[in-house]
């Protein structure tokens, strides 16, 4: 587990995800030696997929342990790796939003 984030304040999740997606998209051009995100985008797919599964498990255990701060931290890690996986797969957040919206019609 990484170091827990301090001084977390409520923020708009949609805006935060959109900003993060923009940053992730911009990392395609970054040096993989200098950028973890670039390594995930351009390296072996299994590396990213293993990380995605790892973060999901860490979130599940934090929830099981009823550890609020740890669960929030792991949820953020999972969302980051999830967005990297979408980017790598060519699925935009708008496309995902359309998929979700179509399910509520």
PDB file of N, CA and C in Angstrom:
ATOM      1  N   UNK A   1       0.838  -1.180   0.000  1.00  0.00           N
ATOM      2  CA  UNK A   1       0.000   0.000   0.000  1.00  0.00           C
ATOM      3  C   UNK A   1       0.880   1.239   0.000  1.00  0.00           C
ATOM      4  N   UNK A   2       0.463   2.219  -0.770  1.00  0.00           N
ATOM      5  CA  UNK A   2       1.177   3.486  -0.791  1.00  0.00           C
ATOM      6  C   UNK A   2       0.821   4.318   0.426  1.00  0.00           C
ATOM      7  N   UNK A   3       1.457   5.448   0.515  1.00  0.00           N
ATOM      8  CA  UNK A   3       1.190   6.365   1.623  1.00  0.00           C
ATOM      9  C   UNK A   3      -0.183   6.987   1.433  1.00  0.00           C
ATOM     10  N   UNK A   4      -0.957   7.020   2.477  1.00  0.00           N
ATOM     11  CA  UNK A   4      -2.300   7.576   2.374  1.00  0.00           C
ATOM     12  C   UNK A   4      -2.246   9.073   2.116  1.00  0.00           C
ATOM     13  N   UNK A   5      -3.193   9.530   1.333  1.00  0.00           N
ATOM     14  CA  UNK A   5      -3.280  10.936   0.980  1.00  0.00           C
ATOM     15  C   UNK A   5      -3.827  11.722   2.158  1.00  0.00           C
ATOM     16  N   UNK A   6      -3.198  12.851   2.452  1.00  0.00           N
ATOM     17  CA  UNK A   6      -3.679  13.680   3.559  1.00  0.00           C
ATOM     18  C   UNK A   6      -4.464  14.865   3.012  1.00  0.00           C
ATOM     19  N   UNK A   7      -5.287  15.438   3.869  1.00  0.00           N
ATOM     20  CA  UNK A   7      -6.060  16.638   3.540  1.00  0.00           C
ATOM     21  C   UNK A   7      -6.939  16.475   2.313  1.00  0.00           C
ATOM     22  N   UNK A   8      -7.602  15.328   2.174  1.00  0.00           N
ATOM     23  CA  UNK A   8      -8.494  15.094   1.047  1.00  0.00           C
ATOM     24  C   UNK A   8      -9.773  15.890   1.254  1.00  0.00           C
ATOM     25  N   UNK A   9     -10.141  16.666   0.242  1.00  0.00           N
ATOM     26  CA  UNK A   9     -11.362  17.469   0.286  1.00  0.00           C
ATOM     27  C   UNK A   9     -12.298  16.999  -0.826  1.00  0.00           C
ATOM     28  N   UNK A  10     -13.605  17.088  -0.622  1.00  0.00           N
ATOM     29  CA  UNK A  10     -14.542  16.687  -1.662  1.00  0.00           C
ATOM     30  C   UNK A  10     -14.302  17.476  -2.952  1.00  0.00           C
ATOM     31  N   UNK A  11     -14.466  16.797  -4.084  1.00  0.00           N
ATOM     32  CA  UNK A  11     -14.316  17.431  -5.396  1.00  0.00           C
ATOM     33  C   UNK A  11     -15.237  16.725  -6.375  1.00  0.00           C
ATOM     34  N   UNK A  12     -15.506  17.362  -7.497  1.00  0.00           N
ATOM     35  CA  UNK A  12     -16.379  16.803  -8.523  1.00  0.00           C
ATOM     36  C   UNK A  12     -15.681  15.637  -9.212  1.00  0.00           C
ATOM     37  N   UNK A  13     -16.220  14.432  -9.069  1.00  0.00           N
ATOM     38  CA  UNK A  13     -15.600  13.236  -9.628  1.00  0.00           C
ATOM     39  C   UNK A  13     -15.525  13.306 -11.149  1.00  0.00           C
ATOM     40  N   UNK A  14     -16.577  13.779 -11.792  1.00  0.00           N
ATOM     41  CA  UNK A  14     -16.570  13.874 -13.250  1.00  0.00           C
ATOM     42  C   UNK A  14     -15.434  14.751 -13.761  1.00  0.00           C
ATOM     43  N   UNK A  15     -15.246  15.903 -13.133  1.00  0.00           N
ATOM     44  CA  UNK A  15     -14.160  16.805 -13.534  1.00  0.00           C
ATOM     45  C   UNK A  15     -12.802  16.170 -13.276  1.00  0.00           C
ATOM     46  N   UNK A  16     -12.656  15.536 -12.121  1.00  0.00           N
ATOM     47  CA  UNK A  16     -11.377  14.914 -11.781  1.00  0.00           C
ATOM     48  C   UNK A  16     -11.038  13.802 -12.768  1.00  0.00           C
ATOM     49  N   UNK A  17     -12.030  12.980 -13.123  1.00  0.00           N
ATOM     50  CA  UNK A  17     -11.782  11.904 -14.088  1.00  0.00           C
ATOM     51  C   UNK A  17     -11.455  12.464 -15.463  1.00  0.00           C
ATOM     52  N   UNK A  18     -12.140  13.520 -15.872  1.00  0.00           N
ATOM     53  CA  UNK A  18     -11.861  14.141 -17.172  1.00  0.00           C
ATOM     54  C   UNK A  18     -10.440  14.701 -17.210  1.00  0.00           C
ATOM     55  N   UNK A  19     -10.023  15.359 -16.137  1.00  0.00           N
ATOM     56  CA  UNK A  19      -8.658  15.900 -16.072  1.00  0.00           C
ATOM     57  C   UNK A  19      -7.629  14.783 -16.099  1.00  0.00           C
ATOM     58  N   UNK A  20      -7.881  13.733 -15.336  1.00  0.00           N
ATOM     59  CA  UNK A  20      -6.953  12.607 -15.312  1.00  0.00           C
ATOM     60  C   UNK A  20      -6.876  11.947 -16.679  1.00  0.00           C
ATOM     61  N   UNK A  21      -8.015  11.789 -17.349  1.00  0.00           N
ATOM     62  CA  UNK A  21      -8.015  11.179 -18.680  1.00  0.00           C
ATOM     63  C   UNK A  21      -7.199  12.015 -19.665  1.00  0.00           C
ATOM     64  N   UNK A  22      -7.284  13.320 -19.571  1.00  0.00           N
ATOM     65  CA  UNK A  22      -6.486  14.203 -20.432  1.00  0.00           C
ATOM     66  C   UNK A  22      -4.995  13.988 -20.189  1.00  0.00           C
ATOM     67  N   UNK A  23      -4.614  13.908 -18.930  1.00  0.00           N
ATOM     68  CA  UNK A  23      -3.209  13.681 -18.583  1.00  0.00           C
ATOM     69  C   UNK A  23      -2.750  12.333 -19.132  1.00  0.00           C
ATOM     70  N   UNK A  24      -3.560  11.297 -18.919  1.00  0.00           N
ATOM     71  CA  UNK A  24      -3.210   9.962 -19.406  1.00  0.00           C
ATOM     72  C   UNK A  24      -3.064   9.969 -20.918  1.00  0.00           C
ATOM     73  N   UNK A  25      -4.006  10.587 -21.624  1.00  0.00           N
ATOM     74  CA  UNK A  25      -3.946  10.648 -23.090  1.00  0.00           C
ATOM     75  C   UNK A  25      -2.646  11.326 -23.556  1.00  0.00           C
ATOM     76  N   UNK A  26      -2.236  12.355 -22.854  1.00  0.00           N
ATOM     77  CA  UNK A  26      -1.011  13.072 -23.215  1.00  0.00           C
ATOM     78  C   UNK A  26       0.265  12.278 -22.967  1.00  0.00           C
ATOM     79  N   UNK A  27       0.190  11.227 -22.202  1.00  0.00           N
ATOM     80  CA  UNK A  27       1.382  10.438 -21.879  1.00  0.00           C
ATOM     81  C   UNK A  27       1.820   9.505 -23.002  1.00  0.00           C
ATOM     82  N   UNK A  28       1.014   9.362 -24.064  1.00  0.00           N
ATOM     83  CA  UNK A  28       1.444   8.534 -25.203  1.00  0.00           C
ATOM     84  C   UNK A  28       2.782   9.018 -25.752  1.00  0.00           C
ATOM     85  N   UNK A  29       3.006  10.310 -25.687  1.00  0.00           N
ATOM     86  CA  UNK A  29       4.226  10.890 -26.246  1.00  0.00           C
ATOM     87  C   UNK A  29       5.361  10.988 -25.236  1.00  0.00           C
ATOM     88  N   UNK A  30       5.103  10.641 -24.013  1.00  0.00           N
ATOM     89  CA  UNK A  30       6.114  10.758 -22.951  1.00  0.00           C
ATOM     90  C   UNK A  30       7.133   9.623 -23.048  1.00  0.00           C
ATOM     91  N   UNK A  31       8.275   9.854 -22.471  1.00  0.00           N
ATOM     92  CA  UNK A  31       9.343   8.858 -22.417  1.00  0.00           C
ATOM     93  C   UNK A  31       8.966   7.790 -21.392  1.00  0.00           C
ATOM     94  N   UNK A  32       8.852   6.528 -21.821  1.00  0.00           N
ATOM     95  CA  UNK A  32       8.501   5.461 -20.881  1.00  0.00           C
ATOM     96  C   UNK A  32       9.506   5.299 -19.735  1.00  0.00           C
ATOM     97  N   UNK A  33      10.728   5.744 -19.943  1.00  0.00           N
ATOM     98  CA  UNK A  33      11.728   5.691 -18.874  1.00  0.00           C
ATOM     99  C   UNK A  33      11.414   6.700 -17.773  1.00  0.00           C
ATOM    100  N   UNK A  34      10.710   7.780 -18.140  1.00  0.00           N
ATOM    101  CA  UNK A  34      10.434   8.854 -17.193  1.00  0.00           C
ATOM    102  C   UNK A  34       8.976   8.874 -16.721  1.00  0.00           C
ATOM    103  N   UNK A  35       8.099   8.133 -17.400  1.00  0.00           N
ATOM    104  CA  UNK A  35       6.677   8.194 -17.092  1.00  0.00           C
ATOM    105  C   UNK A  35       6.100   6.798 -16.878  1.00  0.00           C
ATOM    106  N   UNK A  36       5.605   6.564 -15.673  1.00  0.00           N
ATOM    107  CA  UNK A  36       4.947   5.289 -15.354  1.00  0.00           C
ATOM    108  C   UNK A  36       3.755   5.067 -16.277  1.00  0.00           C
ATOM    109  N   UNK A  37       2.988   6.127 -16.515  1.00  0.00           N
ATOM    110  CA  UNK A  37       1.819   6.006 -17.382  1.00  0.00           C
ATOM    111  C   UNK A  37       2.229   5.626 -18.792  1.00  0.00           C
ATOM    112  N   UNK A  38       3.266   6.238 -19.318  1.00  0.00           N
ATOM    113  CA  UNK A  38       3.746   5.887 -20.663  1.00  0.00           C
ATOM    114  C   UNK A  38       4.176   4.425 -20.718  1.00  0.00           C
ATOM    115  N   UNK A  39       4.814   3.939 -19.654  1.00  0.00           N
ATOM    116  CA  UNK A  39       5.205   2.515 -19.617  1.00  0.00           C
ATOM    117  C   UNK A  39       3.980   1.618 -19.664  1.00  0.00           C
ATOM    118  N   UNK A  40       2.926   1.998 -18.926  1.00  0.00           N
ATOM    119  CA  UNK A  40       1.704   1.198 -18.942  1.00  0.00           C
ATOM    120  C   UNK A  40       1.013   1.236 -20.301  1.00  0.00           C
ATOM    121  N   UNK A  41       1.054   2.390 -20.960  1.00  0.00           N
ATOM    122  CA  UNK A  41       0.407   2.530 -22.261  1.00  0.00           C
ATOM    123  C   UNK A  41       1.141   1.785 -23.369  1.00  0.00           C
ATOM    124  N   UNK A  42       2.465   1.745 -23.298  1.00  0.00           N
ATOM    125  CA  UNK A  42       3.244   1.220 -24.422  1.00  0.00           C
ATOM    126  C   UNK A  42       3.944  -0.093 -24.131  1.00  0.00           C
ATOM    127  N   UNK A  43       3.994  -0.487 -22.877  1.00  0.00           N
ATOM    128  CA  UNK A  43       4.678  -1.722 -22.510  1.00  0.00           C
ATOM    129  C   UNK A  43       3.784  -2.937 -22.732  1.00  0.00           C
ATOM    130  N   UNK A  44       4.216  -4.071 -22.230  1.00  0.00           N
ATOM    131  CA  UNK A  44       3.421  -5.289 -22.367  1.00  0.00           C
ATOM    132  C   UNK A  44       2.040  -5.118 -21.719  1.00  0.00           C
ATOM    133  N   UNK A  45       1.001  -5.549 -22.420  1.00  0.00           N
ATOM    134  CA  UNK A  45      -0.368  -5.409 -21.905  1.00  0.00           C
ATOM    135  C   UNK A  45      -0.533  -6.123 -20.571  1.00  0.00           C
ATOM    136  N   UNK A  46       0.122  -7.255 -20.416  1.00  0.00           N
ATOM    137  CA  UNK A  46      -0.018  -8.009 -19.169  1.00  0.00           C
ATOM    138  C   UNK A  46       0.397  -7.201 -17.952  1.00  0.00           C
ATOM    139  N   UNK A  47       1.370  -6.313 -18.113  1.00  0.00           N
ATOM    140  CA  UNK A  47       1.822  -5.482 -16.988  1.00  0.00           C
ATOM    141  C   UNK A  47       0.671  -4.613 -16.479  1.00  0.00           C
ATOM    142  N   UNK A  48      -0.043  -3.978 -17.393  1.00  0.00           N
ATOM    143  CA  UNK A  48      -1.176  -3.131 -17.023  1.00  0.00           C
ATOM    144  C   UNK A  48      -2.318  -3.973 -16.473  1.00  0.00           C
ATOM    145  N   UNK A  49      -2.610  -5.084 -17.103  1.00  0.00           N
ATOM    146  CA  UNK A  49      -3.728  -5.922 -16.668  1.00  0.00           C
ATOM    147  C   UNK A  49      -3.489  -6.504 -15.277  1.00  0.00           C
ATOM    148  N   UNK A  50      -2.269  -6.907 -15.001  1.00  0.00           N
ATOM    149  CA  UNK A  50      -1.942  -7.403 -13.664  1.00  0.00           C
ATOM    150  C   UNK A  50      -2.125  -6.307 -12.620  1.00  0.00           C
ATOM    151  N   UNK A  51      -1.725  -5.096 -12.969  1.00  0.00           N
ATOM    152  CA  UNK A  51      -1.857  -3.971 -12.040  1.00  0.00           C
ATOM    153  C   UNK A  51      -3.329  -3.659 -11.788  1.00  0.00           C
ATOM    154  N   UNK A  52      -4.145  -3.742 -12.819  1.00  0.00           N
ATOM    155  CA  UNK A  52      -5.574  -3.500 -12.689  1.00  0.00           C
ATOM    156  C   UNK A  52      -6.203  -4.507 -11.721  1.00  0.00           C
ATOM    157  N   UNK A  53      -5.871  -5.771 -11.881  1.00  0.00           N
ATOM    158  CA  UNK A  53      -6.390  -6.815 -10.993  1.00  0.00           C
ATOM    159  C   UNK A  53      -5.868  -6.614  -9.569  1.00  0.00           C
ATOM    160  N   UNK A  54      -4.604  -6.278  -9.435  1.00  0.00           N
ATOM    161  CA  UNK A  54      -4.010  -6.040  -8.113  1.00  0.00           C
ATOM    162  C   UNK A  54      -4.728  -4.917  -7.383  1.00  0.00           C
ATOM    163  N   UNK A  55      -4.979  -3.821  -8.081  1.00  0.00           N
ATOM    164  CA  UNK A  55      -5.644  -2.682  -7.442  1.00  0.00           C
ATOM    165  C   UNK A  55      -7.080  -3.020  -7.069  1.00  0.00           C
ATOM    166  N   UNK A  56      -7.772  -3.807  -7.890  1.00  0.00           N
ATOM    167  CA  UNK A  56      -9.137  -4.220  -7.562  1.00  0.00           C
ATOM    168  C   UNK A  56      -9.143  -5.076  -6.293  1.00  0.00           C
ATOM    169  N   UNK A  57      -8.178  -5.968  -6.180  1.00  0.00           N
ATOM    170  CA  UNK A  57      -8.087  -6.817  -4.986  1.00  0.00           C
ATOM    171  C   UNK A  57      -7.767  -5.977  -3.750  1.00  0.00           C
ATOM    172  N   UNK A  58      -6.856  -5.026  -3.883  1.00  0.00           N
ATOM    173  CA  UNK A  58      -6.508  -4.173  -2.744  1.00  0.00           C
ATOM    174  C   UNK A  58      -7.717  -3.371  -2.279  1.00  0.00           C
ATOM    175  N   UNK A  59      -8.515  -2.884  -3.222  1.00  0.00           N
ATOM    176  CA  UNK A  59      -9.730  -2.165  -2.857  1.00  0.00           C
ATOM    177  C   UNK A  59     -10.706  -3.094  -2.136  1.00  0.00           C
ATOM    178  N   UNK A  60     -10.876  -4.292  -2.659  1.00  0.00           N
ATOM    179  CA  UNK A  60     -11.797  -5.248  -2.040  1.00  0.00           C
ATOM    180  C   UNK A  60     -11.389  -5.544  -0.600  1.00  0.00           C
ATOM    181  N   UNK A  61     -10.110  -5.734  -0.359  1.00  0.00           N
ATOM    182  CA  UNK A  61      -9.649  -6.035   1.001  1.00  0.00           C
ATOM    183  C   UNK A  61      -9.770  -4.825   1.925  1.00  0.00           C
ATOM    184  N   UNK A  62      -9.540  -3.643   1.394  1.00  0.00           N
ATOM    185  CA  UNK A  62      -9.703  -2.438   2.218  1.00  0.00           C
ATOM    186  C   UNK A  62     -11.165  -2.272   2.626  1.00  0.00           C
ATOM    187  N   UNK A  63     -12.069  -2.572   1.700  1.00  0.00           N
ATOM    188  CA  UNK A  63     -13.496  -2.496   2.027  1.00  0.00           C
ATOM    189  C   UNK A  63     -13.853  -3.575   3.045  1.00  0.00           C
ATOM    190  N   UNK A  64     -13.344  -4.778   2.846  1.00  0.00           N
ATOM    191  CA  UNK A  64     -13.588  -5.877   3.786  1.00  0.00           C
ATOM    192  C   UNK A  64     -13.126  -5.506   5.194  1.00  0.00           C
ATOM    193  N   UNK A  65     -11.980  -4.815   5.265  1.00  0.00           N
ATOM    194  CA  UNK A  65     -11.421  -4.400   6.552  1.00  0.00           C
ATOM    195  C   UNK A  65     -12.118  -3.162   7.123  1.00  0.00           C
ATOM    196  N   UNK A  66     -13.081  -2.626   6.368  1.00  0.00           N
ATOM    197  CA  UNK A  66     -13.815  -1.435   6.799  1.00  0.00           C
ATOM    198  C   UNK A  66     -12.868  -0.263   7.075  1.00  0.00           C
ATOM    199  N   UNK A  67     -11.847  -0.145   6.233  1.00  0.00           N
ATOM    200  CA  UNK A  67     -10.844   0.919   6.377  1.00  0.00           C
ATOM    201  C   UNK A  67     -11.148   2.015   5.347  1.00  0.00           C
ATOM    202  N   UNK A  68     -11.879   3.004   5.776  1.00  0.00           N
ATOM    203  CA  UNK A  68     -12.381   4.065   4.897  1.00  0.00           C
ATOM    204  C   UNK A  68     -11.275   4.745   4.082  1.00  0.00           C
ATOM    205  N   UNK A  69     -10.250   5.239   4.756  1.00  0.00           N
ATOM    206  CA  UNK A  69      -9.185   5.975   4.071  1.00  0.00           C
ATOM    207  C   UNK A  69      -8.427   5.081   3.100  1.00  0.00           C
ATOM    208  N   UNK A  70      -8.159   3.859   3.505  1.00  0.00           N
ATOM    209  CA  UNK A  70      -7.448   2.927   2.641  1.00  0.00           C
ATOM    210  C   UNK A  70      -8.311   2.575   1.426  1.00  0.00           C
ATOM    211  N   UNK A  71      -9.599   2.379   1.627  1.00  0.00           N
ATOM    212  CA  UNK A  71     -10.501   2.074   0.516  1.00  0.00           C
ATOM    213  C   UNK A  71     -10.542   3.227  -0.483  1.00  0.00           C
ATOM    214  N   UNK A  72     -10.609   4.458   0.024  1.00  0.00           N
ATOM    215  CA  UNK A  72     -10.608   5.632  -0.862  1.00  0.00           C
ATOM    216  C   UNK A  72      -9.315   5.685  -1.667  1.00  0.00           C
ATOM    217  N   UNK A  73      -8.197   5.445  -1.013  1.00  0.00           N
ATOM    218  CA  UNK A  73      -6.884   5.461  -1.662  1.00  0.00           C
ATOM    219  C   UNK A  73      -6.810   4.396  -2.759  1.00  0.00           C
ATOM    220  N   UNK A  74      -7.243   3.184  -2.431  1.00  0.00           N
ATOM    221  CA  UNK A  74      -7.188   2.093  -3.409  1.00  0.00           C
ATOM    222  C   UNK A  74      -8.192   2.300  -4.531  1.00  0.00           C
ATOM    223  N   UNK A  75      -9.338   2.891  -4.239  1.00  0.00           N
ATOM    224  CA  UNK A  75     -10.314   3.198  -5.282  1.00  0.00           C
ATOM    225  C   UNK A  75      -9.712   4.171  -6.297  1.00  0.00           C
ATOM    226  N   UNK A  76      -8.967   5.157  -5.801  1.00  0.00           N
ATOM    227  CA  UNK A  76      -8.314   6.106  -6.704  1.00  0.00           C
ATOM    228  C   UNK A  76      -7.264   5.395  -7.558  1.00  0.00           C
ATOM    229  N   UNK A  77      -6.490   4.497  -6.958  1.00  0.00           N
ATOM    230  CA  UNK A  77      -5.506   3.723  -7.736  1.00  0.00           C
ATOM    231  C   UNK A  77      -6.198   2.882  -8.802  1.00  0.00           C
ATOM    232  N   UNK A  78      -7.306   2.246  -8.426  1.00  0.00           N
ATOM    233  CA  UNK A  78      -8.038   1.413  -9.378  1.00  0.00           C
ATOM    234  C   UNK A  78      -8.586   2.260 -10.522  1.00  0.00           C
ATOM    235  N   UNK A  79      -9.164   3.414 -10.207  1.00  0.00           N
ATOM    236  CA  UNK A  79      -9.691   4.282 -11.260  1.00  0.00           C
ATOM    237  C   UNK A  79      -8.590   4.755 -12.202  1.00  0.00           C
ATOM    238  N   UNK A  80      -7.434   5.091 -11.661  1.00  0.00           N
ATOM    239  CA  UNK A  80      -6.306   5.493 -12.507  1.00  0.00           C
ATOM    240  C   UNK A  80      -5.938   4.366 -13.484  1.00  0.00           C
ATOM    241  N   UNK A  81      -5.737   3.166 -12.968  1.00  0.00           N
ATOM    242  CA  UNK A  81      -5.338   2.050 -13.824  1.00  0.00           C
ATOM    243  C   UNK A  81      -6.454   1.668 -14.792  1.00  0.00           C
ATOM    244  N   UNK A  82      -7.706   1.801 -14.368  1.00  0.00           N
ATOM    245  CA  UNK A  82      -8.857   1.576 -15.227  1.00  0.00           C
ATOM    246  C   UNK A  82      -8.844   2.558 -16.398  1.00  0.00           C
ATOM    247  N   UNK A  83      -8.593   3.835 -16.123  1.00  0.00           N
ATOM    248  CA  UNK A  83      -8.549   4.840 -17.182  1.00  0.00           C
ATOM    249  C   UNK A  83      -7.379   4.610 -18.130  1.00  0.00           C
ATOM    250  N   UNK A  84      -6.253   4.160 -17.604  1.00  0.00           N
ATOM    251  CA  UNK A  84      -5.119   3.820 -18.472  1.00  0.00           C
ATOM    252  C   UNK A  84      -5.500   2.650 -19.388  1.00  0.00           C
ATOM    253  N   UNK A  85      -6.187   1.654 -18.834  1.00  0.00           N
ATOM    254  CA  UNK A  85      -6.612   0.503 -19.639  1.00  0.00           C
ATOM    255  C   UNK A  85      -7.594   0.939 -20.728  1.00  0.00           C
ATOM    256  N   UNK A  86      -8.529   1.821 -20.391  1.00  0.00           N
ATOM    257  CA  UNK A  86      -9.447   2.328 -21.417  1.00  0.00           C
ATOM    258  C   UNK A  86      -8.688   3.060 -22.513  1.00  0.00           C
ATOM    259  N   UNK A  87      -7.772   3.935 -22.119  1.00  0.00           N
ATOM    260  CA  UNK A  87      -6.976   4.697 -23.088  1.00  0.00           C
ATOM    261  C   UNK A  87      -6.210   3.758 -23.993  1.00  0.00           C
ATOM    262  N   UNK A  88      -5.577   2.780 -23.417  1.00  0.00           N
ATOM    263  CA  UNK A  88      -4.799   1.819 -24.201  1.00  0.00           C
ATOM    264  C   UNK A  88      -5.693   1.054 -25.173  1.00  0.00           C
ATOM    265  N   UNK A  89      -6.952   0.836 -24.789  1.00  0.00           N
ATOM    266  CA  UNK A  89      -7.899   0.100 -25.623  1.00  0.00           C
ATOM    267  C   UNK A  89      -8.634   0.983 -26.620  1.00  0.00           C
ATOM    268  N   UNK A  90      -8.376   2.289 -26.563  1.00  0.00           N
ATOM    269  CA  UNK A  90      -9.034   3.204 -27.494  1.00  0.00           C
ATOM    270  C   UNK A  90     -10.477   3.506 -27.128  1.00  0.00           C
ATOM    271  N   UNK A  91     -10.826   3.336 -25.868  1.00  0.00           N
ATOM    272  CA  UNK A  91     -12.183   3.623 -25.399  1.00  0.00           C
ATOM    273  C   UNK A  91     -12.160   4.948 -24.646  1.00  0.00           C
ATOM    274  N   UNK A  92     -12.888   5.932 -25.163  1.00  0.00           N
ATOM    275  CA  UNK A  92     -12.911   7.239 -24.511  1.00  0.00           C
ATOM    276  C   UNK A  92     -13.885   7.220 -23.334  1.00  0.00           C
ATOM    277  N   UNK A  93     -13.707   8.173 -22.443  1.00  0.00           N
ATOM    278  CA  UNK A  93     -14.633   8.270 -21.321  1.00  0.00           C
ATOM    279  C   UNK A  93     -16.017   8.681 -21.820  1.00  0.00           C
ATOM    280  N   UNK A  94     -16.091   9.448 -22.913  1.00  0.00           N
ATOM    281  CA  UNK A  94     -17.383   9.797 -23.502  1.00  0.00           C
ATOM    282  C   UNK A  94     -18.076   8.548 -24.036  1.00  0.00           C
ATOM    283  N   UNK A  95     -17.309   7.666 -24.668  1.00  0.00           N
ATOM    284  CA  UNK A  95     -17.882   6.418 -25.167  1.00  0.00           C
ATOM    285  C   UNK A  95     -18.383   5.562 -24.004  1.00  0.00           C
ATOM    286  N   UNK A  96     -17.600   5.497 -22.944  1.00  0.00           N
ATOM    287  CA  UNK A  96     -18.025   4.753 -21.759  1.00  0.00           C
ATOM    288  C   UNK A  96     -19.280   5.376 -21.162  1.00  0.00           C
ATOM    289  N   UNK A  97     -19.306   6.713 -21.113  1.00  0.00           N
ATOM    290  CA  UNK A  97     -20.495   7.398 -20.623  1.00  0.00           C
ATOM    291  C   UNK A  97     -21.724   7.058 -21.452  1.00  0.00           C
ATOM    292  N   UNK A  98     -21.549   6.965 -22.770  1.00  0.00           N
ATOM    293  CA  UNK A  98     -22.662   6.575 -23.645  1.00  0.00           C
ATOM    294  C   UNK A  98     -23.132   5.165 -23.375  1.00  0.00           C
ATOM    295  N   UNK A  99     -22.181   4.273 -23.122  1.00  0.00           N
ATOM    296  CA  UNK A  99     -22.539   2.889 -22.792  1.00  0.00           C
ATOM    297  C   UNK A  99     -23.374   2.844 -21.509  1.00  0.00           C
ATOM    298  N   UNK A 100     -22.917   3.568 -20.505  1.00  0.00           N
ATOM    299  CA  UNK A 100     -23.658   3.588 -19.238  1.00  0.00           C
ATOM    300  C   UNK A 100     -25.038   4.233 -19.398  1.00  0.00           C
ATOM    301  N   UNK A 101     -25.098   5.347 -20.122  1.00  0.00           N
ATOM    302  CA  UNK A 101     -26.377   6.037 -20.317  1.00  0.00           C
ATOM    303  C   UNK A 101     -27.374   5.160 -21.072  1.00  0.00           C
ATOM    304  N   UNK A 102     -26.888   4.392 -22.034  1.00  0.00           N
ATOM    305  CA  UNK A 102     -27.764   3.519 -22.812  1.00  0.00           C
ATOM    306  C   UNK A 102     -28.411   2.450 -21.946  1.00  0.00           C
ATOM    307  N   UNK A 103     -27.778   2.105 -20.868  1.00  0.00           N
ATOM    308  CA  UNK A 103     -28.324   1.077 -19.971  1.00  0.00           C
ATOM    309  C   UNK A 103     -29.448   1.582 -19.092  1.00  0.00           C
ATOM    310  N   UNK A 104     -29.613   2.892 -19.019  1.00  0.00           N
ATOM    311  CA  UNK A 104     -30.647   3.471 -18.159  1.00  0.00           C
ATOM    312  C   UNK A 104     -31.846   3.961 -18.943  1.00  0.00           C
ATOM    313  N   UNK A 105     -31.925   3.601 -20.207  1.00  0.00           N
ATOM    314  CA  UNK A 105     -33.059   4.057 -21.038  1.00  0.00           C
ATOM    315  C   UNK A 105     -34.208   3.116 -20.909  1.00  0.00           C
TER     316      UNK A 105
END
